[in-house]
Amino acid sequence: MNKQTIIRIAKRFTENSQLNYISKDVAIRKELAGMKIFDEAIFAFGSAEDKGFELLKNPSVIGEHFLTPTEWLPGANTVIVYFFPFTDEIIKSNRKEKRWPSDEWLHGRIEGQIFLKEFSMFLNKKISDAGYDSIIPTLDSRFISSTSSDEKIPPYSSNWSERHAAFVSGLGTFGLSKGIITEKGMAGRLGSIVTNLELELSEKNYRDVYEYCTICGACAERCPVNAISIERGKDHKKCADYLDITSKKFKPRYGCGKCQVLVPCERRIPKTLEF
């Protein structure tokens, strides 16, 4: 199994899985039945031994509770990180109103995550069937994520971060909103797998954490609760509190995504401050 095989598996799954299309049984509005959630994924293949993963244990980044790839899987060789961009229909719908997420975006956030979970398990099994050890950190029983200071780890943190794994592996850099800017932008969802399968590593086209971000402030202007600013960065509590509000308003779904649309990094790596 090589990189090209993995990319082909993802392409076929994206095209053929019914989970990538909104069924009439779950559609918020009947006209959304059949809507496609994701376009074709892009991948990065990082070394499990990359020193960048050790740096994430620094308290100023994530902290000691972060588990490196080889702590998740002894003998790991590769971290596979993938980004599924949302379709134009989902992105354009969420540009329209500043305050609340569109119905299409809510589907992308919730049904999209269901698709991503199924894809991750499907790819993980394909790798295992090929004779390699492989795990999905975020679906592992050891995975911990916290939005409360009552937890064993700092609030708004986890012991595996797909955004940080994406940065270390070469998929993209952070933006002011703390999302990852990829060559396909940042409007989409991330997933990752750790495996002892040895794959050709992706080239990193950046050095700095925010290299792809122009710090233009467009995402700050888009945020409905002013949780982002050029001067102070992102206030995770404000963001989380707003998501709690949407979870009550749109139950059983929630979401926002305003900082990911109608911004220069929506669909690409920004080249200038112009938009």
C-alpha atoms as a PDB file:
ATOM      1  CA  MET A   1       0.000   0.000   0.000  1.00  0.00           C
ATOM      2  CA  ASN A   2       1.311   3.453  -0.955  1.00  0.00           C
ATOM      3  CA  LYS A   3       0.154   7.080  -0.956  1.00  0.00           C
ATOM      4  CA  GLN A   4      -1.529   6.798  -4.335  1.00  0.00           C
ATOM      5  CA  THR A   5      -3.562   3.793  -3.154  1.00  0.00           C
ATOM      6  CA  ILE A   6      -4.758   5.693  -0.098  1.00  0.00           C
ATOM      7  CA  ILE A   7      -5.749   8.709  -2.192  1.00  0.00           C
ATOM      8  CA  ARG A   8      -7.664   6.439  -4.609  1.00  0.00           C
ATOM      9  CA  ILE A   9      -9.471   4.771  -1.704  1.00  0.00           C
ATOM     10  CA  ALA A  10     -10.523   8.190  -0.418  1.00  0.00           C
ATOM     11  CA  LYS A  11     -11.696   9.346  -3.841  1.00  0.00           C
ATOM     12  CA  ARG A  12     -13.867   6.270  -4.373  1.00  0.00           C
ATOM     13  CA  PHE A  13     -15.308   6.497  -0.873  1.00  0.00           C
ATOM     14  CA  THR A  14     -16.158  10.181  -1.316  1.00  0.00           C
ATOM     15  CA  GLU A  15     -17.853   9.551  -4.642  1.00  0.00           C
ATOM     16  CA  ASN A  16     -19.761   6.412  -3.659  1.00  0.00           C
ATOM     17  CA  SER A  17     -20.626   6.645   0.026  1.00  0.00           C
ATOM     18  CA  GLN A  18     -24.259   7.559   0.663  1.00  0.00           C
ATOM     19  CA  LEU A  19     -23.057   9.240   3.853  1.00  0.00           C
ATOM     20  CA  ASN A  20     -21.607  12.026   1.707  1.00  0.00           C
ATOM     21  CA  TYR A  21     -25.121  12.958   0.645  1.00  0.00           C
ATOM     22  CA  ILE A  22     -27.937  14.216   2.863  1.00  0.00           C
ATOM     23  CA  SER A  23     -30.743  11.676   3.000  1.00  0.00           C
ATOM     24  CA  LYS A  24     -34.383  12.746   2.951  1.00  0.00           C
ATOM     25  CA  ASP A  25     -34.779  11.174   6.405  1.00  0.00           C
ATOM     26  CA  VAL A  26     -32.433  13.683   8.055  1.00  0.00           C
ATOM     27  CA  ALA A  27     -32.739  16.724   5.762  1.00  0.00           C
ATOM     28  CA  ILE A  28     -33.598  19.885   7.707  1.00  0.00           C
ATOM     29  CA  ARG A  29     -35.502  21.066   4.631  1.00  0.00           C
ATOM     30  CA  LYS A  30     -36.798  18.699   1.977  1.00  0.00           C
ATOM     31  CA  GLU A  31     -34.902  20.534  -0.768  1.00  0.00           C
ATOM     32  CA  LEU A  32     -31.617  19.662   0.965  1.00  0.00           C
ATOM     33  CA  ALA A  33     -32.141  15.948   0.389  1.00  0.00           C
ATOM     34  CA  GLY A  34     -29.367  14.696  -1.881  1.00  0.00           C
ATOM     35  CA  MET A  35     -27.001  17.580  -1.110  1.00  0.00           C
ATOM     36  CA  LYS A  36     -23.347  16.566  -1.350  1.00  0.00           C
ATOM     37  CA  ILE A  37     -21.270  17.411   1.726  1.00  0.00           C
ATOM     38  CA  PHE A  38     -17.611  17.088   0.740  1.00  0.00           C
ATOM     39  CA  ASP A  39     -15.433  17.427  -2.316  1.00  0.00           C
ATOM     40  CA  GLU A  40     -12.371  15.228  -2.818  1.00  0.00           C
ATOM     41  CA  ALA A  41      -9.938  15.151   0.114  1.00  0.00           C
ATOM     42  CA  ILE A  42      -6.327  16.279   0.179  1.00  0.00           C
ATOM     43  CA  PHE A  43      -3.669  14.476   2.223  1.00  0.00           C
ATOM     44  CA  ALA A  44      -0.405  15.013   4.074  1.00  0.00           C
ATOM     45  CA  PHE A  45       1.883  12.213   5.218  1.00  0.00           C
ATOM     46  CA  GLY A  46       4.079  13.120   8.164  1.00  0.00           C
ATOM     47  CA  SER A  47       6.797  11.272  10.029  1.00  0.00           C
ATOM     48  CA  ALA A  48       5.682   9.851  13.368  1.00  0.00           C
ATOM     49  CA  GLU A  49       9.166  10.749  14.626  1.00  0.00           C
ATOM     50  CA  ASP A  50       8.946  14.404  13.559  1.00  0.00           C
ATOM     51  CA  LYS A  51      10.357  16.568  16.363  1.00  0.00           C
ATOM     52  CA  GLY A  52       7.392  18.872  15.895  1.00  0.00           C
ATOM     53  CA  PHE A  53       5.198  16.388  17.741  1.00  0.00           C
ATOM     54  CA  GLU A  54       7.477  16.528  20.780  1.00  0.00           C
ATOM     55  CA  LEU A  55       7.284  20.326  20.718  1.00  0.00           C
ATOM     56  CA  LEU A  56       3.520  20.072  21.129  1.00  0.00           C
ATOM     57  CA  LYS A  57       4.116  18.845  24.685  1.00  0.00           C
ATOM     58  CA  ASN A  58       5.339  22.324  25.587  1.00  0.00           C
ATOM     59  CA  PRO A  59       2.778  23.971  27.915  1.00  0.00           C
ATOM     60  CA  SER A  60       2.800  27.053  25.703  1.00  0.00           C
ATOM     61  CA  VAL A  61       1.544  24.924  22.777  1.00  0.00           C
ATOM     62  CA  ILE A  62      -0.638  22.035  24.033  1.00  0.00           C
ATOM     63  CA  GLY A  63       1.016  20.495  27.087  1.00  0.00           C
ATOM     64  CA  GLU A  64       2.381  17.295  28.591  1.00  0.00           C
ATOM     65  CA  HIS A  65      -0.989  15.613  28.208  1.00  0.00           C
ATOM     66  CA  PHE A  66      -0.504  15.564  24.428  1.00  0.00           C
ATOM     67  CA  LEU A  67       0.400  12.079  23.210  1.00  0.00           C
ATOM     68  CA  THR A  68       2.881  11.811  20.340  1.00  0.00           C
ATOM     69  CA  PRO A  69       2.230   9.393  17.465  1.00  0.00           C
ATOM     70  CA  THR A  70       4.583   6.790  18.922  1.00  0.00           C
ATOM     71  CA  GLU A  71       2.788   7.042  22.265  1.00  0.00           C
ATOM     72  CA  TRP A  72      -0.471   6.317  20.527  1.00  0.00           C
ATOM     73  CA  LEU A  73       1.089   3.491  18.536  1.00  0.00           C
ATOM     74  CA  PRO A  74       4.533   2.144  19.480  1.00  0.00           C
ATOM     75  CA  GLY A  75       6.524   1.568  16.313  1.00  0.00           C
ATOM     76  CA  ALA A  76       4.490   4.113  14.342  1.00  0.00           C
ATOM     77  CA  ASN A  77       6.097   5.400  11.153  1.00  0.00           C
ATOM     78  CA  THR A  78       3.544   7.690   9.530  1.00  0.00           C
ATOM     79  CA  VAL A  79       0.824  10.150  10.468  1.00  0.00           C
ATOM     80  CA  ILE A  80      -1.812  10.410   7.740  1.00  0.00           C
ATOM     81  CA  VAL A  81      -3.797  13.642   7.881  1.00  0.00           C
ATOM     82  CA  TYR A  82      -6.652  14.469   5.519  1.00  0.00           C
ATOM     83  CA  PHE A  83      -8.830  17.476   4.844  1.00  0.00           C
ATOM     84  CA  PHE A  84     -12.246  17.196   3.234  1.00  0.00           C
ATOM     85  CA  PRO A  85     -13.347  20.575   1.801  1.00  0.00           C
ATOM     86  CA  PHE A  86     -17.035  21.408   1.986  1.00  0.00           C
ATOM     87  CA  THR A  87     -18.893  21.752  -1.304  1.00  0.00           C
ATOM     88  CA  ASP A  88     -19.723  25.150  -2.782  1.00  0.00           C
ATOM     89  CA  GLU A  89     -23.369  24.727  -1.795  1.00  0.00           C
ATOM     90  CA  ILE A  90     -22.492  24.457   1.887  1.00  0.00           C
ATOM     91  CA  ILE A  91     -19.908  27.243   1.821  1.00  0.00           C
ATOM     92  CA  LYS A  92     -22.017  29.733  -0.119  1.00  0.00           C
ATOM     93  CA  SER A  93     -25.048  29.140   2.089  1.00  0.00           C
ATOM     94  CA  ASN A  94     -23.097  30.053   5.228  1.00  0.00           C
ATOM     95  CA  ARG A  95     -21.890  33.350   3.760  1.00  0.00           C
ATOM     96  CA  LYS A  96     -25.368  34.846   3.721  1.00  0.00           C
ATOM     97  CA  GLU A  97     -26.169  35.596   7.343  1.00  0.00           C
ATOM     98  CA  LYS A  98     -23.710  36.862   9.948  1.00  0.00           C
ATOM     99  CA  ARG A  99     -25.402  35.611  13.114  1.00  0.00           C
ATOM    100  CA  TRP A 100     -26.517  32.007  12.632  1.00  0.00           C
ATOM    101  CA  PRO A 101     -25.171  28.989  10.731  1.00  0.00           C
ATOM    102  CA  SER A 102     -27.057  27.976   7.600  1.00  0.00           C
ATOM    103  CA  ASP A 103     -28.989  24.688   7.488  1.00  0.00           C
ATOM    104  CA  GLU A 104     -26.490  23.447   4.926  1.00  0.00           C
ATOM    105  CA  TRP A 105     -23.571  24.217   7.253  1.00  0.00           C
ATOM    106  CA  LEU A 106     -25.286  22.450  10.150  1.00  0.00           C
ATOM    107  CA  HIS A 107     -25.534  19.347   7.974  1.00  0.00           C
ATOM    108  CA  GLY A 108     -21.886  19.704   7.019  1.00  0.00           C
ATOM    109  CA  ARG A 109     -20.839  19.969  10.649  1.00  0.00           C
ATOM    110  CA  ILE A 110     -22.885  17.027  11.971  1.00  0.00           C
ATOM    111  CA  GLU A 111     -23.609  14.672   9.066  1.00  0.00           C
ATOM    112  CA  GLY A 112     -20.207  15.630   7.666  1.00  0.00           C
ATOM    113  CA  GLN A 113     -18.535  14.430  10.847  1.00  0.00           C
ATOM    114  CA  ILE A 114     -20.464  11.149  10.625  1.00  0.00           C
ATOM    115  CA  PHE A 115     -19.095  10.691   7.103  1.00  0.00           C
ATOM    116  CA  LEU A 116     -15.573  11.559   8.275  1.00  0.00           C
ATOM    117  CA  LYS A 117     -15.755   9.017  11.104  1.00  0.00           C
ATOM    118  CA  GLU A 118     -16.923   6.283   8.723  1.00  0.00           C
ATOM    119  CA  PHE A 119     -14.212   7.151   6.210  1.00  0.00           C
ATOM    120  CA  SER A 120     -11.550   7.057   8.924  1.00  0.00           C
ATOM    121  CA  MET A 121     -12.689   3.628  10.064  1.00  0.00           C
ATOM    122  CA  PHE A 122     -12.869   2.407   6.464  1.00  0.00           C
ATOM    123  CA  LEU A 123      -9.342   3.575   5.647  1.00  0.00           C
ATOM    124  CA  ASN A 124      -8.046   2.285   8.963  1.00  0.00           C
ATOM    125  CA  LYS A 125      -9.425  -1.172   8.150  1.00  0.00           C
ATOM    126  CA  LYS A 126      -7.913  -1.104   4.663  1.00  0.00           C
ATOM    127  CA  ILE A 127      -4.502  -0.391   6.195  1.00  0.00           C
ATOM    128  CA  SER A 128      -4.990  -3.132   8.791  1.00  0.00           C
ATOM    129  CA  ASP A 129      -6.132  -5.591   6.114  1.00  0.00           C
ATOM    130  CA  ALA A 130      -2.902  -4.851   4.250  1.00  0.00           C
ATOM    131  CA  GLY A 131      -1.008  -6.145   7.294  1.00  0.00           C
ATOM    132  CA  TYR A 132      -0.124  -2.954   9.174  1.00  0.00           C
ATOM    133  CA  ASP A 133      -0.955  -1.620  12.619  1.00  0.00           C
ATOM    134  CA  SER A 134      -3.111   1.467  12.482  1.00  0.00           C
ATOM    135  CA  ILE A 135      -5.236   3.563  14.858  1.00  0.00           C
ATOM    136  CA  ILE A 136      -7.480   6.625  14.784  1.00  0.00           C
ATOM    137  CA  PRO A 137      -6.478   8.686  17.851  1.00  0.00           C
ATOM    138  CA  THR A 138      -9.763  10.593  18.132  1.00  0.00           C
ATOM    139  CA  LEU A 139     -11.732   7.316  18.157  1.00  0.00           C
ATOM    140  CA  ASP A 140      -9.387   5.556  20.564  1.00  0.00           C
ATOM    141  CA  SER A 141     -10.533   4.900  24.139  1.00  0.00           C
ATOM    142  CA  ARG A 142      -7.569   6.952  25.409  1.00  0.00           C
ATOM    143  CA  PHE A 143      -8.662  10.111  23.619  1.00  0.00           C
ATOM    144  CA  ILE A 144      -9.552  12.977  25.962  1.00  0.00           C
ATOM    145  CA  SER A 145     -11.000  16.337  24.975  1.00  0.00           C
ATOM    146  CA  SER A 146     -11.954  19.086  27.408  1.00  0.00           C
ATOM    147  CA  THR A 147     -14.044  22.226  27.364  1.00  0.00           C
ATOM    148  CA  SER A 148     -14.094  22.526  31.141  1.00  0.00           C
ATOM    149  CA  SER A 149     -11.485  23.307  33.763  1.00  0.00           C
ATOM    150  CA  ASP A 150     -12.950  20.421  35.803  1.00  0.00           C
ATOM    151  CA  GLU A 151     -11.320  17.899  33.473  1.00  0.00           C
ATOM    152  CA  LYS A 152      -7.910  16.278  33.934  1.00  0.00           C
ATOM    153  CA  ILE A 153      -6.473  18.411  31.142  1.00  0.00           C
ATOM    154  CA  PRO A 154      -6.594  22.184  30.516  1.00  0.00           C
ATOM    155  CA  PRO A 155      -9.864  23.567  29.130  1.00  0.00           C
ATOM    156  CA  TYR A 156     -10.320  23.695  25.360  1.00  0.00           C
ATOM    157  CA  SER A 157      -7.564  21.133  24.872  1.00  0.00           C
ATOM    158  CA  SER A 158      -7.103  17.446  24.030  1.00  0.00           C
ATOM    159  CA  ASN A 159      -4.403  14.795  24.031  1.00  0.00           C
ATOM    160  CA  TRP A 160      -4.471  14.615  20.214  1.00  0.00           C
ATOM    161  CA  SER A 161      -5.015  17.568  17.889  1.00  0.00           C
ATOM    162  CA  GLU A 162      -5.717  17.010  14.216  1.00  0.00           C
ATOM    163  CA  ARG A 163      -5.023  20.683  13.528  1.00  0.00           C
ATOM    164  CA  HIS A 164      -1.550  20.441  15.053  1.00  0.00           C
ATOM    165  CA  ALA A 165      -0.944  17.082  13.361  1.00  0.00           C
ATOM    166  CA  ALA A 166      -1.877  18.736  10.068  1.00  0.00           C
ATOM    167  CA  PHE A 167       0.629  21.529  10.669  1.00  0.00           C
ATOM    168  CA  VAL A 168       3.474  19.181  11.653  1.00  0.00           C
ATOM    169  CA  SER A 169       2.741  16.825   8.735  1.00  0.00           C
ATOM    170  CA  GLY A 170       2.758  19.510   6.042  1.00  0.00           C
ATOM    171  CA  LEU A 171      -0.947  19.980   5.285  1.00  0.00           C
ATOM    172  CA  GLY A 172      -1.112  23.662   6.199  1.00  0.00           C
ATOM    173  CA  THR A 173      -0.570  26.403   8.758  1.00  0.00           C
ATOM    174  CA  PHE A 174      -2.803  28.008  11.336  1.00  0.00           C
ATOM    175  CA  GLY A 175      -4.957  31.048  10.683  1.00  0.00           C
ATOM    176  CA  LEU A 176      -5.940  33.789  13.101  1.00  0.00           C
ATOM    177  CA  SER A 177      -9.132  31.829  13.841  1.00  0.00           C
ATOM    178  CA  LYS A 178      -6.966  28.825  14.850  1.00  0.00           C
ATOM    179  CA  GLY A 179      -8.237  26.787  11.922  1.00  0.00           C
ATOM    180  CA  ILE A 180      -5.828  25.184   9.439  1.00  0.00           C
ATOM    181  CA  ILE A 181      -5.319  26.873   6.077  1.00  0.00           C
ATOM    182  CA  THR A 182      -4.669  24.238   3.392  1.00  0.00           C
ATOM    183  CA  GLU A 183      -4.222  24.522  -0.349  1.00  0.00           C
ATOM    184  CA  LYS A 184      -8.007  23.975  -0.480  1.00  0.00           C
ATOM    185  CA  GLY A 185      -8.649  26.617   2.161  1.00  0.00           C
ATOM    186  CA  MET A 186     -10.036  25.987   5.629  1.00  0.00           C
ATOM    187  CA  ALA A 187     -13.785  25.440   5.102  1.00  0.00           C
ATOM    188  CA  GLY A 188     -13.997  21.718   5.754  1.00  0.00           C
ATOM    189  CA  ARG A 189     -13.135  18.956   8.230  1.00  0.00           C
ATOM    190  CA  LEU A 190      -9.915  17.232   9.294  1.00  0.00           C
ATOM    191  CA  GLY A 191      -9.151  13.603  10.144  1.00  0.00           C
ATOM    192  CA  SER A 192      -6.023  11.599  10.967  1.00  0.00           C
ATOM    193  CA  ILE A 193      -4.612   8.098  11.327  1.00  0.00           C
ATOM    194  CA  VAL A 194      -1.371   6.881  12.928  1.00  0.00           C
ATOM    195  CA  THR A 195       0.179   3.760  11.396  1.00  0.00           C
ATOM    196  CA  ASN A 196       3.370   1.722  11.212  1.00  0.00           C
ATOM    197  CA  LEU A 197       2.950   1.663   7.436  1.00  0.00           C
ATOM    198  CA  GLU A 198       5.934   3.550   6.052  1.00  0.00           C
ATOM    199  CA  LEU A 199       4.953   6.052   3.390  1.00  0.00           C
ATOM    200  CA  GLU A 200       6.752   8.722   1.398  1.00  0.00           C
ATOM    201  CA  LEU A 201       6.554  11.918   3.434  1.00  0.00           C
ATOM    202  CA  SER A 202       4.913  15.123   2.254  1.00  0.00           C
ATOM    203  CA  GLU A 203       7.031  18.167   1.585  1.00  0.00           C
ATOM    204  CA  LYS A 204       6.499  21.083   3.959  1.00  0.00           C
ATOM    205  CA  ASN A 205       6.175  24.339   2.076  1.00  0.00           C
ATOM    206  CA  TYR A 206       6.279  26.488   5.207  1.00  0.00           C
ATOM    207  CA  ARG A 207       8.240  27.042   8.404  1.00  0.00           C
ATOM    208  CA  ASP A 208       6.147  29.315  10.579  1.00  0.00           C
ATOM    209  CA  VAL A 209       2.927  28.513  12.433  1.00  0.00           C
ATOM    210  CA  TYR A 210       0.929  31.306  10.758  1.00  0.00           C
ATOM    211  CA  GLU A 211       2.806  31.480   7.466  1.00  0.00           C
ATOM    212  CA  TYR A 212      -0.284  31.075   5.249  1.00  0.00           C
ATOM    213  CA  CYS A 213      -2.310  33.641   7.230  1.00  0.00           C
ATOM    214  CA  THR A 214      -2.154  37.279   6.146  1.00  0.00           C
ATOM    215  CA  ILE A 215      -3.582  38.464   9.510  1.00  0.00           C
ATOM    216  CA  CYS A 216      -6.108  40.487   7.526  1.00  0.00           C
ATOM    217  CA  GLY A 217      -8.751  40.292  10.245  1.00  0.00           C
ATOM    218  CA  ALA A 218     -11.562  39.118   7.949  1.00  0.00           C
ATOM    219  CA  CYS A 219     -12.346  36.174  10.227  1.00  0.00           C
ATOM    220  CA  ALA A 220     -12.527  38.528  13.212  1.00  0.00           C
ATOM    221  CA  GLU A 221     -15.090  40.669  11.378  1.00  0.00           C
ATOM    222  CA  ARG A 222     -17.118  37.566  10.511  1.00  0.00           C
ATOM    223  CA  CYS A 223     -17.274  36.159  14.053  1.00  0.00           C
ATOM    224  CA  PRO A 224     -20.791  36.700  15.452  1.00  0.00           C
ATOM    225  CA  VAL A 225     -19.575  36.979  19.060  1.00  0.00           C
ATOM    226  CA  ASN A 226     -16.276  38.842  18.562  1.00  0.00           C
ATOM    227  CA  ALA A 227     -14.246  35.843  19.745  1.00  0.00           C
ATOM    228  CA  ILE A 228     -11.372  36.665  17.354  1.00  0.00           C
ATOM    229  CA  SER A 229      -9.173  39.743  17.179  1.00  0.00           C
ATOM    230  CA  ILE A 230      -5.866  40.625  15.551  1.00  0.00           C
ATOM    231  CA  GLU A 231      -4.523  41.893  18.869  1.00  0.00           C
ATOM    232  CA  ARG A 232      -5.617  39.045  21.170  1.00  0.00           C
ATOM    233  CA  GLY A 233      -6.091  36.091  18.839  1.00  0.00           C
ATOM    234  CA  LYS A 234      -8.986  33.746  19.614  1.00  0.00           C
ATOM    235  CA  ASP A 235     -11.028  33.569  22.803  1.00  0.00           C
ATOM    236  CA  HIS A 236     -11.902  29.867  22.948  1.00  0.00           C
ATOM    237  CA  LYS A 237     -14.442  30.322  25.732  1.00  0.00           C
ATOM    238  CA  LYS A 238     -16.461  32.878  23.790  1.00  0.00           C
ATOM    239  CA  CYS A 239     -16.443  30.551  20.797  1.00  0.00           C
ATOM    240  CA  ALA A 240     -17.456  27.510  22.871  1.00  0.00           C
ATOM    241  CA  ASP A 241     -20.205  29.444  24.669  1.00  0.00           C
ATOM    242  CA  TYR A 242     -21.674  30.481  21.317  1.00  0.00           C
ATOM    243  CA  LEU A 243     -21.602  26.887  20.062  1.00  0.00           C
ATOM    244  CA  ASP A 244     -23.536  25.927  23.189  1.00  0.00           C
ATOM    245  CA  ILE A 245     -26.170  28.482  22.210  1.00  0.00           C
ATOM    246  CA  THR A 246     -26.429  27.018  18.707  1.00  0.00           C
ATOM    247  CA  SER A 247     -26.701  23.503  20.156  1.00  0.00           C
ATOM    248  CA  LYS A 248     -29.865  24.600  21.983  1.00  0.00           C
ATOM    249  CA  LYS A 249     -31.277  26.579  19.079  1.00  0.00           C
ATOM    250  CA  PHE A 250     -30.614  23.940  16.403  1.00  0.00           C
ATOM    251  CA  LYS A 251     -30.784  20.750  18.487  1.00  0.00           C
ATOM    252  CA  PRO A 252     -29.766  18.006  17.644  1.00  0.00           C
ATOM    253  CA  ARG A 253     -27.222  19.936  15.542  1.00  0.00           C
ATOM    254  CA  TYR A 254     -24.855  22.798  16.274  1.00  0.00           C
ATOM    255  CA  GLY A 255     -22.179  24.797  14.494  1.00  0.00           C
ATOM    256  CA  CYS A 256     -21.043  28.183  13.250  1.00  0.00           C
ATOM    257  CA  GLY A 257     -18.196  28.276  10.721  1.00  0.00           C
ATOM    258  CA  LYS A 258     -18.551  31.996  10.014  1.00  0.00           C
ATOM    259  CA  CYS A 259     -14.781  32.491  10.340  1.00  0.00           C
ATOM    260  CA  GLN A 260     -14.256  29.931   7.553  1.00  0.00           C
ATOM    261  CA  VAL A 261     -16.402  31.567   4.870  1.00  0.00           C
ATOM    262  CA  LEU A 262     -16.288  34.899   3.056  1.00  0.00           C
ATOM    263  CA  VAL A 263     -12.627  35.181   4.052  1.00  0.00           C
ATOM    264  CA  PRO A 264      -9.477  35.060   1.858  1.00  0.00           C
ATOM    265  CA  CYS A 265      -8.585  31.576   3.147  1.00  0.00           C
ATOM    266  CA  GLU A 266     -12.036  30.102   2.509  1.00  0.00           C
ATOM    267  CA  ARG A 267     -10.931  28.078  -0.558  1.00  0.00           C
ATOM    268  CA  ARG A 268      -7.209  28.714  -0.940  1.00  0.00           C
ATOM    269  CA  ILE A 269      -3.981  29.949   0.589  1.00  0.00           C
ATOM    270  CA  PRO A 270      -4.263  33.763   0.613  1.00  0.00           C
ATOM    271  CA  LYS A 271      -1.674  35.486  -1.542  1.00  0.00           C
ATOM    272  CA  THR A 272      -2.446  39.109  -0.736  1.00  0.00           C
ATOM    273  CA  LEU A 273      -4.628  41.147   1.604  1.00  0.00           C
ATOM    274  CA  GLU A 274      -7.057  41.737  -1.247  1.00  0.00           C
ATOM    275  CA  PHE A 275     -10.324  39.827  -1.334  1.00  0.00           C
END
